[in-house]
Amino acid sequence: MAKLSVAILGSGNIGTDLMYKLRRSEMLELVLVAGIDPASDGLARARGLGYETCTDGIEGVLSNGKAKLVFDATSARAHLAHAPRLKAAGMIAVDLTPAAVGPGVIPVVNGKQHSTEPNVNLVSCGAQATVPIVAAIAKVCPVPYAETVSTIASLSAGPGTRHNIDEFTRTTARSVREVGGAKTSKSIIVLNPADPPIIMRNTVYAMVDLPVDEKAIHASVMAMAAKIKSYVPGYTVTVEPFLDGDHITTCIEVTGRGDYLAKYAGNLDIITSAAVHVAERYAETLSKERIAING
């Protein structure tokens, strides 16, 4: 299968970590890293690895024209401007910001369903960690209400994350309902200033209608966690799901791979890992289409 040509738009922490993950992909070929800061460490590293770079952002991506798929690792506000231009150029957009222009995608829950969309949104790091767990519970029984709490190291929250806190909570809570299957929801993010920095921690509370099959819920959640771990090796269930009154509680930690970011930044690692996973599904879909056309 021919590799799918991709570009990264944004040379900050997320874009740079994504670059290192793409180097391991057998299905994706990175053809451009675009930023706006000539002094960016990400661009310097990209050049050092032999990748083509530019410092005029979206203009450089469009004028380069080599990429079929573009990872947008800028900001929610920037992606709102980028999305229509990428669509007009016939480029698929995988959005790592909370802009929510396209449908929210959690790879293990609805990735295949949206593998032909021109723009998909990865919602947030908290959603990538917790929504699959809510979905696993919802497979077994109705979930009238779900609440997720994601605690991340303050040092792992860059300017983009801090500026998009409101978007983070709104889009995460919405995805708990629309993708996870909960009827109502609430999502919280906590920036923890502890030193040394903490690993990303997530707690999921899901209200259920009694009586409920606790063993079936446990099996569904653990099976879902195993699927996530296949592309996010540091994803670990630290408190296995248990029934307490009328709600299920479970806790997850996410340790990063340490590609570019520190291992405590599992919040960033999970969304860049999800981005690669989603893009590889696009590569599969496009390859099948080419095979079908060529007979």
Protein backbone atom coordinates (compact mmCIF):
# COMPACT_ATOMS: atom_id res chain seq x y z
CA MET A 1 0.00 0.00 0.00
CA ALA A 2 1.36 3.41 -1.00
CA LYS A 3 1.89 5.73 1.94
CA LEU A 4 -0.51 8.64 2.45
CA SER A 5 1.25 12.02 2.22
CA VAL A 6 0.62 14.18 5.30
CA ALA A 7 1.64 17.58 6.63
CA ILE A 8 1.72 19.03 10.14
CA LEU A 9 0.40 22.55 10.60
CA GLY A 10 1.78 23.88 13.88
CA SER A 11 5.31 23.34 15.21
CA GLY A 12 4.63 23.59 18.94
CA ASN A 13 4.69 20.77 21.48
CA ILE A 14 1.82 18.79 19.95
CA GLY A 15 2.98 19.19 16.36
CA THR A 16 6.54 18.23 17.24
CA ASP A 17 5.53 15.17 19.24
CA LEU A 18 3.28 14.14 16.36
CA MET A 19 6.24 14.40 13.98
CA TYR A 20 8.16 11.79 15.96
CA LYS A 21 5.17 9.44 16.06
CA LEU A 22 4.72 9.71 12.29
CA ARG A 23 8.28 8.46 11.83
CA ARG A 24 7.12 5.06 13.10
CA SER A 25 4.10 4.81 10.80
CA GLU A 26 4.31 2.40 7.88
CA MET A 27 1.24 4.00 6.28
CA LEU A 28 1.92 7.74 6.48
CA GLU A 29 4.64 9.87 4.89
CA LEU A 30 5.37 13.28 6.40
CA VAL A 31 6.10 15.74 3.58
CA LEU A 32 5.96 19.11 5.37
CA VAL A 33 6.08 20.68 8.83
CA ALA A 34 4.63 24.20 8.81
CA GLY A 35 4.94 26.82 11.54
CA ILE A 36 5.03 30.58 11.90
CA ASP A 37 8.01 31.04 14.22
CA PRO A 38 11.39 30.78 12.44
CA ALA A 39 13.03 30.12 15.83
CA SER A 40 10.68 27.25 16.67
CA ASP A 41 12.38 24.22 18.21
CA GLY A 42 9.93 22.02 16.34
CA LEU A 43 10.95 23.42 12.96
CA ALA A 44 14.62 23.11 13.85
CA ARG A 45 14.13 19.47 14.79
CA ALA A 46 12.15 18.81 11.62
CA ARG A 47 14.93 20.26 9.48
CA GLY A 48 17.45 18.20 11.41
CA LEU A 49 15.49 15.05 10.56
CA GLY A 50 15.44 15.98 6.89
CA TYR A 51 11.83 17.12 6.58
CA GLU A 52 10.75 20.06 4.47
CA THR A 53 9.60 23.02 6.57
CA CYS A 54 8.09 26.46 6.10
CA THR A 55 7.39 29.45 8.32
CA ASP A 56 4.24 30.85 6.70
CA GLY A 57 1.77 28.44 8.24
CA ILE A 58 -1.34 27.61 6.25
CA GLU A 59 -0.04 29.52 3.23
CA GLY A 60 2.95 27.22 3.07
CA VAL A 61 0.79 24.10 3.33
CA LEU A 62 -1.46 25.25 0.50
CA SER A 63 1.35 26.39 -1.78
CA ASN A 64 3.33 23.21 -1.15
CA GLY A 65 0.40 21.08 -2.29
CA LYS A 66 2.05 17.72 -1.59
CA ALA A 67 -0.09 16.61 1.35
CA LYS A 68 -3.38 14.80 1.01
CA LEU A 69 -4.02 15.01 4.76
CA VAL A 70 -3.13 17.85 7.14
CA PHE A 71 -2.87 17.61 10.91
CA ASP A 72 -3.87 20.97 12.40
CA ALA A 73 -2.01 21.39 15.69
CA THR A 74 -2.49 25.15 16.06
CA SER A 75 -5.47 26.53 18.02
CA ALA A 76 -9.25 26.40 17.92
CA ARG A 77 -9.50 29.93 16.58
CA ALA A 78 -6.87 29.31 13.91
CA HIS A 79 -8.52 26.09 12.75
CA LEU A 80 -11.82 27.88 12.17
CA ALA A 81 -9.98 29.90 9.51
CA HIS A 82 -7.94 26.96 8.22
CA ALA A 83 -10.79 24.47 7.77
CA PRO A 84 -12.57 26.01 4.75
CA ARG A 85 -9.27 26.65 2.98
CA LEU A 86 -8.08 23.08 3.44
CA LYS A 87 -11.43 21.77 2.26
CA ALA A 88 -11.33 23.98 -0.84
CA ALA A 89 -7.85 22.60 -1.60
CA GLY A 90 -9.14 19.04 -1.37
CA MET A 91 -7.08 18.25 1.73
CA ILE A 92 -8.38 16.12 4.60
CA ALA A 93 -8.08 17.88 7.96
CA VAL A 94 -7.41 16.03 11.20
CA ASP A 95 -8.01 18.70 13.82
CA LEU A 96 -6.15 18.40 17.13
CA THR A 97 -7.70 21.62 18.48
CA PRO A 98 -11.11 21.97 20.20
CA ALA A 99 -12.55 23.89 17.22
CA ALA A 100 -15.07 21.11 16.53
CA VAL A 101 -15.61 22.02 12.87
CA GLY A 102 -16.00 18.38 11.85
CA PRO A 103 -17.49 15.45 13.77
CA GLY A 104 -15.80 14.47 17.01
CA VAL A 105 -13.81 11.27 16.56
CA ILE A 106 -12.60 8.84 19.20
CA PRO A 107 -10.78 6.17 17.15
CA VAL A 108 -11.93 3.07 19.05
CA VAL A 109 -15.53 4.24 19.26
CA ASN A 110 -16.46 5.89 15.94
CA GLY A 111 -13.27 6.12 13.89
CA LYS A 112 -14.46 3.83 11.09
CA GLN A 113 -17.77 5.69 10.88
CA HIS A 114 -15.99 8.92 9.93
CA SER A 115 -13.09 7.60 7.85
CA THR A 116 -14.26 9.47 4.74
CA GLU A 117 -15.06 12.86 6.31
CA PRO A 118 -13.10 15.86 4.93
CA ASN A 119 -12.59 17.21 8.47
CA VAL A 120 -12.56 15.36 11.78
CA ASN A 121 -12.01 16.72 15.26
CA LEU A 122 -10.14 14.83 17.99
CA VAL A 123 -12.10 16.75 20.64
CA SER A 124 -9.59 16.87 23.52
CA CYS A 125 -7.07 14.80 25.42
CA GLY A 126 -9.63 14.26 28.17
CA ALA A 127 -12.19 12.98 25.68
CA GLN A 128 -9.70 10.56 24.12
CA ALA A 129 -9.01 9.12 27.58
CA THR A 130 -12.53 8.98 29.01
CA VAL A 131 -15.18 8.87 26.29
CA PRO A 132 -14.30 5.29 25.26
CA ILE A 133 -14.89 4.18 28.85
CA VAL A 134 -18.33 5.80 28.92
CA ALA A 135 -19.08 4.16 25.56
CA ALA A 136 -18.02 0.78 26.94
CA ILE A 137 -20.43 1.14 29.85
CA ALA A 138 -23.19 2.36 27.54
CA LYS A 139 -22.82 -0.83 25.48
CA VAL A 140 -24.02 -2.79 28.50
CA CYS A 141 -26.66 -0.50 29.98
CA PRO A 142 -28.13 3.02 29.66
CA VAL A 143 -26.05 5.84 31.16
CA PRO A 144 -28.36 8.64 32.34
CA TYR A 145 -25.40 10.78 33.48
CA ALA A 146 -21.63 10.63 33.16
CA GLU A 147 -18.96 12.87 34.66
CA THR A 148 -15.30 12.91 33.68
CA VAL A 149 -12.40 14.55 35.48
CA SER A 150 -9.00 14.86 33.81
CA THR A 151 -6.06 16.06 35.87
CA ILE A 152 -2.90 17.01 34.01
CA ALA A 153 0.46 18.44 34.97
CA SER A 154 0.44 22.21 34.73
CA LEU A 155 3.76 22.03 32.89
CA SER A 156 2.13 19.99 30.11
CA ALA A 157 -0.49 22.67 29.43
CA GLY A 158 0.90 25.09 26.87
CA PRO A 159 -0.59 28.42 25.76
CA GLY A 160 -2.99 26.73 23.36
CA THR A 161 -4.44 24.49 26.06
CA ARG A 162 -4.77 27.36 28.52
CA HIS A 163 -6.45 29.63 26.00
CA ASN A 164 -8.90 26.87 25.04
CA ILE A 165 -10.00 25.72 28.50
CA ASP A 166 -13.64 26.70 27.91
CA GLU A 167 -13.69 24.94 24.55
CA PHE A 168 -12.05 21.91 26.17
CA THR A 169 -14.75 21.48 28.79
CA ARG A 170 -17.65 22.13 26.42
CA THR A 171 -16.47 19.85 23.62
CA THR A 172 -15.40 17.10 26.00
CA ALA A 173 -18.76 17.10 27.77
CA ARG A 174 -20.57 17.08 24.44
CA SER A 175 -18.56 14.12 23.20
CA VAL A 176 -19.38 12.19 26.37
CA ARG A 177 -23.00 12.43 25.22
CA GLU A 178 -22.73 12.31 21.43
CA VAL A 179 -19.97 9.71 21.17
CA GLY A 180 -19.96 8.08 24.60
CA GLY A 181 -23.71 7.62 24.74
CA ALA A 182 -24.51 9.30 28.07
CA LYS A 183 -27.81 11.16 28.24
CA THR A 184 -26.35 14.08 30.23
CA SER A 185 -22.76 14.87 31.11
CA LYS A 186 -20.19 17.07 32.78
CA SER A 187 -16.44 17.32 32.15
CA ILE A 188 -13.75 18.94 34.27
CA ILE A 189 -10.07 19.63 33.65
CA VAL A 190 -7.63 20.28 36.49
CA LEU A 191 -4.14 21.74 35.98
CA ASN A 192 -2.02 20.37 38.81
CA PRO A 193 1.14 22.40 39.67
CA ALA A 194 2.79 19.56 41.61
CA ASP A 195 6.58 19.20 41.35
CA PRO A 196 7.61 16.68 40.16
CA PRO A 197 4.79 16.83 37.61
CA ILE A 198 2.04 14.23 37.84
CA ILE A 199 1.08 11.75 35.14
CA MET A 200 -2.28 12.41 33.47
CA ARG A 201 -5.06 11.01 35.63
CA ASN A 202 -8.69 10.53 34.64
CA THR A 203 -11.76 9.52 36.61
CA VAL A 204 -15.05 8.43 35.09
CA TYR A 205 -18.30 8.36 37.03
CA ALA A 206 -21.26 6.85 35.18
CA MET A 207 -24.72 6.69 36.67
CA VAL A 208 -26.57 3.49 35.71
CA ASP A 209 -30.10 2.20 36.06
CA LEU A 210 -30.32 -0.63 38.58
CA PRO A 211 -30.20 -3.58 38.49
CA VAL A 212 -27.10 -3.85 36.31
CA ASP A 213 -24.65 -6.57 35.29
CA GLU A 214 -21.47 -5.37 36.97
CA LYS A 215 -19.36 -8.20 35.53
CA ALA A 216 -20.46 -7.35 31.99
CA ILE A 217 -19.59 -3.69 32.52
CA HIS A 218 -16.18 -4.64 33.92
CA ALA A 219 -15.47 -6.86 30.90
CA SER A 220 -16.61 -4.18 28.44
CA VAL A 221 -14.46 -1.46 30.03
CA MET A 222 -11.34 -3.62 30.24
CA ALA A 223 -11.76 -4.73 26.61
CA MET A 224 -12.04 -1.10 25.52
CA ALA A 225 -8.94 -0.16 27.53
CA ALA A 226 -6.99 -2.93 25.78
CA LYS A 227 -7.97 -1.49 22.38
CA ILE A 228 -6.76 1.97 23.38
CA LYS A 229 -3.53 0.54 24.75
CA SER A 230 -2.78 -0.91 21.31
CA TYR A 231 -2.00 2.62 20.06
CA VAL A 232 -1.42 4.42 23.39
CA PRO A 233 0.94 2.05 25.25
CA GLY A 234 0.88 4.17 28.42
CA TYR A 235 -2.91 3.89 28.85
CA THR A 236 -3.53 2.04 32.11
CA VAL A 237 -6.66 1.35 34.15
CA THR A 238 -5.52 2.01 37.72
CA VAL A 239 -8.89 1.47 39.41
CA GLU A 240 -10.94 -1.18 37.66
CA PRO A 241 -14.63 -0.36 37.23
CA PHE A 242 -16.79 -1.07 40.27
CA LEU A 243 -20.39 -0.42 41.24
CA ASP A 244 -20.96 1.97 44.15
CA GLY A 245 -24.65 2.59 44.74
CA ASP A 246 -26.11 3.61 41.38
CA HIS A 247 -22.89 4.54 39.60
CA ILE A 248 -19.80 2.94 38.11
CA THR A 249 -16.41 4.44 38.96
CA THR A 250 -13.10 3.78 37.23
CA CYS A 251 -9.74 5.56 37.01
CA ILE A 252 -7.14 5.73 34.24
CA GLU A 253 -3.59 7.03 34.00
CA VAL A 254 -1.88 7.92 30.74
CA THR A 255 1.91 7.90 30.62
CA GLY A 256 3.50 9.42 27.53
CA ARG A 257 6.00 7.58 25.32
CA GLY A 258 8.56 10.35 25.74
CA ASP A 259 8.96 10.91 21.99
CA TYR A 260 9.37 14.67 22.35
CA LEU A 261 7.41 15.54 25.44
CA ALA A 262 8.14 14.34 28.95
CA LYS A 263 6.48 11.07 29.92
CA TYR A 264 4.22 12.86 32.38
CA ALA A 265 2.52 14.65 29.45
CA GLY A 266 0.24 11.73 28.69
CA ASN A 267 -2.52 14.21 27.90
CA LEU A 268 -0.63 15.36 24.82
CA ASP A 269 0.64 11.89 23.96
CA ILE A 270 -2.85 10.40 23.79
CA ILE A 271 -4.14 12.97 21.31
CA THR A 272 -1.10 12.74 19.01
CA SER A 273 -1.37 8.94 19.15
CA ALA A 274 -5.06 9.19 18.28
CA ALA A 275 -4.22 11.50 15.37
CA VAL A 276 -1.86 8.95 13.84
CA HIS A 277 -4.39 6.16 14.38
CA VAL A 278 -7.14 8.17 12.64
CA ALA A 279 -4.87 9.13 9.72
CA GLU A 280 -3.90 5.50 9.20
CA ARG A 281 -7.60 4.62 8.87
CA TYR A 282 -7.84 7.29 6.15
CA ALA A 283 -4.84 5.69 4.44
CA GLU A 284 -6.60 2.31 4.51
CA THR A 285 -9.85 3.76 3.16
CA LEU A 286 -8.12 5.64 0.33
CA SER A 287 -6.06 2.57 -0.57
CA LYS A 288 -9.22 0.45 -0.82
CA GLU A 289 -10.82 3.10 -3.01
CA ARG A 290 -7.79 3.11 -5.35
CA ILE A 291 -7.87 -0.69 -5.56
CA ALA A 292 -11.59 -0.63 -6.37
CA ILE A 293 -11.10 2.00 -9.08
CA ASN A 294 -8.18 0.17 -10.63
CA GLY A 295 -10.13 -3.05 -10.60
